[in-house]
C-alpha atoms as a PDB file:
ATOM      1  CA  MET A   1      17.778  16.545 -22.339  1.00  0.00           C
ATOM      2  CA  ASP A   2      16.524  16.719 -25.422  1.00  0.00           C
ATOM      3  CA  THR A   3      13.174  18.271 -26.500  1.00  0.00           C
ATOM      4  CA  ASN A   4      11.022  15.112 -26.625  1.00  0.00           C
ATOM      5  CA  ASP A   5      12.354  14.212 -23.050  1.00  0.00           C
ATOM      6  CA  GLN A   6      11.658  17.802 -21.750  1.00  0.00           C
ATOM      7  CA  ALA A   7       7.800  17.354 -23.319  1.00  0.00           C
ATOM      8  CA  GLN A   8       7.457  14.283 -21.897  1.00  0.00           C
ATOM      9  CA  ARG A   9       8.568  15.329 -18.535  1.00  0.00           C
ATOM     10  CA  LEU A  10       6.380  18.396 -18.799  1.00  0.00           C
ATOM     11  CA  HIS A  11       3.334  16.050 -19.714  1.00  0.00           C
ATOM     12  CA  SER A  12       4.007  13.918 -16.551  1.00  0.00           C
ATOM     13  CA  LEU A  13       4.045  16.938 -14.243  1.00  0.00           C
ATOM     14  CA  ASN A  14       0.904  18.216 -15.868  1.00  0.00           C
ATOM     15  CA  THR A  15      -0.761  14.794 -15.386  1.00  0.00           C
ATOM     16  CA  ILE A  16       0.465  14.681 -11.860  1.00  0.00           C
ATOM     17  CA  GLY A  17      -0.620  18.281 -11.163  1.00  0.00           C
ATOM     18  CA  THR A  18      -4.181  17.716 -12.405  1.00  0.00           C
ATOM     19  CA  VAL A  19      -4.550  14.406 -10.500  1.00  0.00           C
ATOM     20  CA  SER A  20      -3.364  16.250  -7.333  1.00  0.00           C
ATOM     21  CA  TYR A  21      -5.668  19.261  -7.887  1.00  0.00           C
ATOM     22  CA  VAL A  22      -8.663  17.211  -8.288  1.00  0.00           C
ATOM     23  CA  LEU A  23      -7.910  15.185  -5.085  1.00  0.00           C
ATOM     24  CA  HIS A  24      -7.189  18.648  -3.439  1.00  0.00           C
ATOM     25  CA  LEU A  25     -10.738  19.848  -4.777  1.00  0.00           C
ATOM     26  CA  ILE A  26     -12.501  16.582  -3.545  1.00  0.00           C
ATOM     27  CA  VAL A  27     -11.128  17.282  -0.027  1.00  0.00           C
ATOM     28  CA  ALA A  28     -11.909  21.185  -0.055  1.00  0.00           C
ATOM     29  CA  VAL A  29     -15.437  20.217  -1.312  1.00  0.00           C
ATOM     30  CA  GLY A  30     -16.188  17.294   0.923  1.00  0.00           C
ATOM     31  CA  ALA A  31     -15.228  19.707   4.005  1.00  0.00           C
ATOM     32  CA  LEU A  32     -18.105  21.828   3.121  1.00  0.00           C
ATOM     33  CA  ILE A  33     -20.638  19.257   2.651  1.00  0.00           C
ATOM     34  CA  PRO A  34     -21.948  17.734   6.052  1.00  0.00           C
ATOM     35  CA  GLY A  35     -20.715  13.887   5.959  1.00  0.00           C
ATOM     36  CA  GLY A  36     -18.210  14.785   3.649  1.00  0.00           C
ATOM     37  CA  GLN A  37     -15.335  14.355   6.237  1.00  0.00           C
ATOM     38  CA  TRP A  38     -13.692  11.464   3.968  1.00  0.00           C
ATOM     39  CA  GLY A  39     -11.096  13.901   2.768  1.00  0.00           C
ATOM     40  CA  PRO A  40      -8.464  13.456   5.325  1.00  0.00           C
ATOM     41  CA  LEU A  41      -7.468  10.437   3.370  1.00  0.00           C
ATOM     42  CA  LEU A  42      -7.367  11.789   0.160  1.00  0.00           C
ATOM     43  CA  LEU A  43      -5.757  14.699   1.150  1.00  0.00           C
ATOM     44  CA  LEU A  44      -2.762  12.409   2.526  1.00  0.00           C
ATOM     45  CA  VAL A  45      -2.649  10.624  -1.047  1.00  0.00           C
ATOM     46  CA  ALA A  46      -1.967  14.008  -2.774  1.00  0.00           C
ATOM     47  CA  LEU A  47       0.494  15.292  -0.059  1.00  0.00           C
ATOM     48  CA  VAL A  48       2.470  12.294  -0.535  1.00  0.00           C
ATOM     49  CA  MET A  49       2.209  12.202  -4.124  1.00  0.00           C
ATOM     50  CA  ASP A  50       3.187  15.949  -4.243  1.00  0.00           C
ATOM     51  CA  MET A  51       6.215  15.468  -1.932  1.00  0.00           C
ATOM     52  CA  TYR A  52       7.326  12.499  -4.028  1.00  0.00           C
ATOM     53  CA  LYS A  53       7.145  14.147  -7.676  1.00  0.00           C
ATOM     54  CA  ARG A  54       8.243  17.809  -6.451  1.00  0.00           C
ATOM     55  CA  PRO A  55      12.028  17.170  -7.209  1.00  0.00           C
ATOM     56  CA  GLU A  56      11.026  16.486 -10.727  1.00  0.00           C
ATOM     57  CA  SER A  57       9.310  19.808 -11.106  1.00  0.00           C
ATOM     58  CA  VAL A  58      12.627  22.118 -10.082  1.00  0.00           C
ATOM     59  CA  GLY A  59      13.235  24.274 -13.110  1.00  0.00           C
ATOM     60  CA  THR A  60       9.824  24.313 -14.472  1.00  0.00           C
ATOM     61  CA  TRP A  61       6.652  26.309 -13.998  1.00  0.00           C
ATOM     62  CA  HIS A  62       5.262  23.350 -12.362  1.00  0.00           C
ATOM     63  CA  ALA A  63       7.341  24.046  -9.320  1.00  0.00           C
ATOM     64  CA  SER A  64       5.197  26.868  -8.384  1.00  0.00           C
ATOM     65  CA  HIS A  65       2.076  24.635  -8.546  1.00  0.00           C
ATOM     66  CA  PHE A  66       4.107  22.136  -6.527  1.00  0.00           C
ATOM     67  CA  ALA A  67       4.790  24.759  -3.748  1.00  0.00           C
ATOM     68  CA  TRP A  68       1.155  25.902  -3.823  1.00  0.00           C
ATOM     69  CA  ARG A  69      -0.448  22.972  -3.159  1.00  0.00           C
ATOM     70  CA  LEU A  70       1.840  21.996  -0.325  1.00  0.00           C
ATOM     71  CA  ARG A  71       1.735  25.547   1.277  1.00  0.00           C
ATOM     72  CA  SER A  72      -1.986  25.330   0.967  1.00  0.00           C
ATOM     73  CA  VAL A  73      -2.256  22.143   2.826  1.00  0.00           C
ATOM     74  CA  LEU A  74       0.272  22.927   5.746  1.00  0.00           C
ATOM     75  CA  TRP A  75      -1.640  26.237   6.299  1.00  0.00           C
ATOM     76  CA  VAL A  76      -5.197  24.722   6.153  1.00  0.00           C
ATOM     77  CA  GLY A  77      -3.694  21.958   8.486  1.00  0.00           C
ATOM     78  CA  PHE A  78      -2.301  24.648  11.002  1.00  0.00           C
ATOM     79  CA  ALA A  79      -5.419  26.669  10.942  1.00  0.00           C
ATOM     80  CA  TYR A  80      -7.668  23.640  11.887  1.00  0.00           C
ATOM     81  CA  LEU A  81      -5.281  22.730  14.510  1.00  0.00           C
ATOM     82  CA  VAL A  82      -5.345  26.306  15.928  1.00  0.00           C
ATOM     83  CA  THR A  83      -9.428  26.491  15.980  1.00  0.00           C
ATOM     84  CA  LEU A  84      -9.651  22.955  17.336  1.00  0.00           C
ATOM     85  CA  PRO A  85     -10.203  24.387  20.915  1.00  0.00           C
ATOM     86  CA  LEU A  86     -13.463  26.284  19.471  1.00  0.00           C
ATOM     87  CA  TRP A  87     -15.141  22.765  18.932  1.00  0.00           C
ATOM     88  CA  LEU A  88     -14.564  22.066  22.661  1.00  0.00           C
ATOM     89  CA  LEU A  89     -16.032  25.434  23.824  1.00  0.00           C
ATOM     90  CA  PHE A  90     -19.068  25.709  21.582  1.00  0.00           C
ATOM     91  CA  ILE A  91     -19.986  23.782  18.416  1.00  0.00           C
ATOM     92  CA  TRP A  92     -20.947  26.922  16.435  1.00  0.00           C
ATOM     93  CA  PRO A  93     -17.847  28.834  16.645  1.00  0.00           C
ATOM     94  CA  GLY A  94     -15.731  25.885  15.591  1.00  0.00           C
ATOM     95  CA  TRP A  95     -18.263  25.215  12.674  1.00  0.00           C
ATOM     96  CA  LEU A  96     -18.056  28.927  11.519  1.00  0.00           C
ATOM     97  CA  ALA A  97     -14.061  28.756  12.028  1.00  0.00           C
ATOM     98  CA  TRP A  98     -13.811  25.700   9.863  1.00  0.00           C
ATOM     99  CA  LEU A  99     -16.133  26.660   7.172  1.00  0.00           C
ATOM    100  CA  VAL A 100     -14.287  29.934   6.732  1.00  0.00           C
ATOM    101  CA  ILE A 101     -10.923  27.874   6.596  1.00  0.00           C
ATOM    102  CA  SER A 102     -12.494  25.266   4.198  1.00  0.00           C
ATOM    103  CA  VAL A 103     -13.960  27.938   1.896  1.00  0.00           C
ATOM    104  CA  TRP A 104     -10.588  29.738   1.750  1.00  0.00           C
ATOM    105  CA  PHE A 105      -8.652  26.206   0.928  1.00  0.00           C
ATOM    106  CA  LEU A 106     -11.040  25.785  -1.749  1.00  0.00           C
ATOM    107  CA  ILE A 107     -10.450  28.896  -3.279  1.00  0.00           C
ATOM    108  CA  ARG A 108      -6.591  28.158  -3.374  1.00  0.00           C
ATOM    109  CA  ILE A 109      -7.230  25.061  -5.040  1.00  0.00           C
ATOM    110  CA  VAL A 110      -9.775  26.538  -7.430  1.00  0.00           C
ATOM    111  CA  ARG A 111      -6.908  29.279  -8.457  1.00  0.00           C
ATOM    112  CA  GLY A 112      -4.069  26.919  -8.575  1.00  0.00           C
ATOM    113  CA  PHE A 113      -6.636  24.381 -10.802  1.00  0.00           C
ATOM    114  CA  ILE A 114      -7.139  27.506 -13.258  1.00  0.00           C
ATOM    115  CA  ASN A 115      -3.668  28.565 -13.469  1.00  0.00           C
ATOM    116  CA  LEU A 116      -2.387  24.822 -14.057  1.00  0.00           C
ATOM    117  CA  ASN A 117      -5.111  24.432 -16.699  1.00  0.00           C
ATOM    118  CA  ALA A 118      -3.814  27.602 -18.436  1.00  0.00           C
ATOM    119  CA  GLY A 119      -0.350  26.691 -18.482  1.00  0.00           C
ATOM    120  CA  LYS A 120       0.553  29.576 -16.114  1.00  0.00           C
ATOM    121  CA  PRO A 121       2.709  29.402 -13.049  1.00  0.00           C
ATOM    122  CA  MET A 122       1.601  30.762  -9.768  1.00  0.00           C
ATOM    123  CA  GLU A 123       2.506  34.070  -9.024  1.00  0.00           C
ATOM    124  CA  SER A 124       5.171  34.499  -6.228  1.00  0.00           C
ATOM    125  CA  ALA A 125       2.924  36.883  -4.645  1.00  0.00           C
ATOM    126  CA  ASP A 126       0.358  34.328  -4.678  1.00  0.00           C
ATOM    127  CA  TYR A 127       2.200  31.936  -2.700  1.00  0.00           C
ATOM    128  CA  ALA A 128       1.301  33.264   0.903  1.00  0.00           C
END
């Protein structure tokens, strides 16, 4: 692969990463705003896009960002499912749990977006 092809590949991955982070950010902010629960569809679009483009990122610093976004979605989905019974018991505990999860998701997405814009990979310790 020549230098021009490599540069074009990295530019393409950067564009996909930016679009994906923006979609994740919209979802994370929408989860915090009453009436903003339209995010699952956007999150699904971002998830499919990341899964489709992830193989192209192998061997680049973008690979850490694909892993970061995918793990973020999987963890937040798991946390929402685990805390779903709180909504059935009482509204306030469910709302509080989902608020904490949504803030955590927003923080992860912002951290990743900052590193992407700085051209830095996510550190391996940040993957958790």
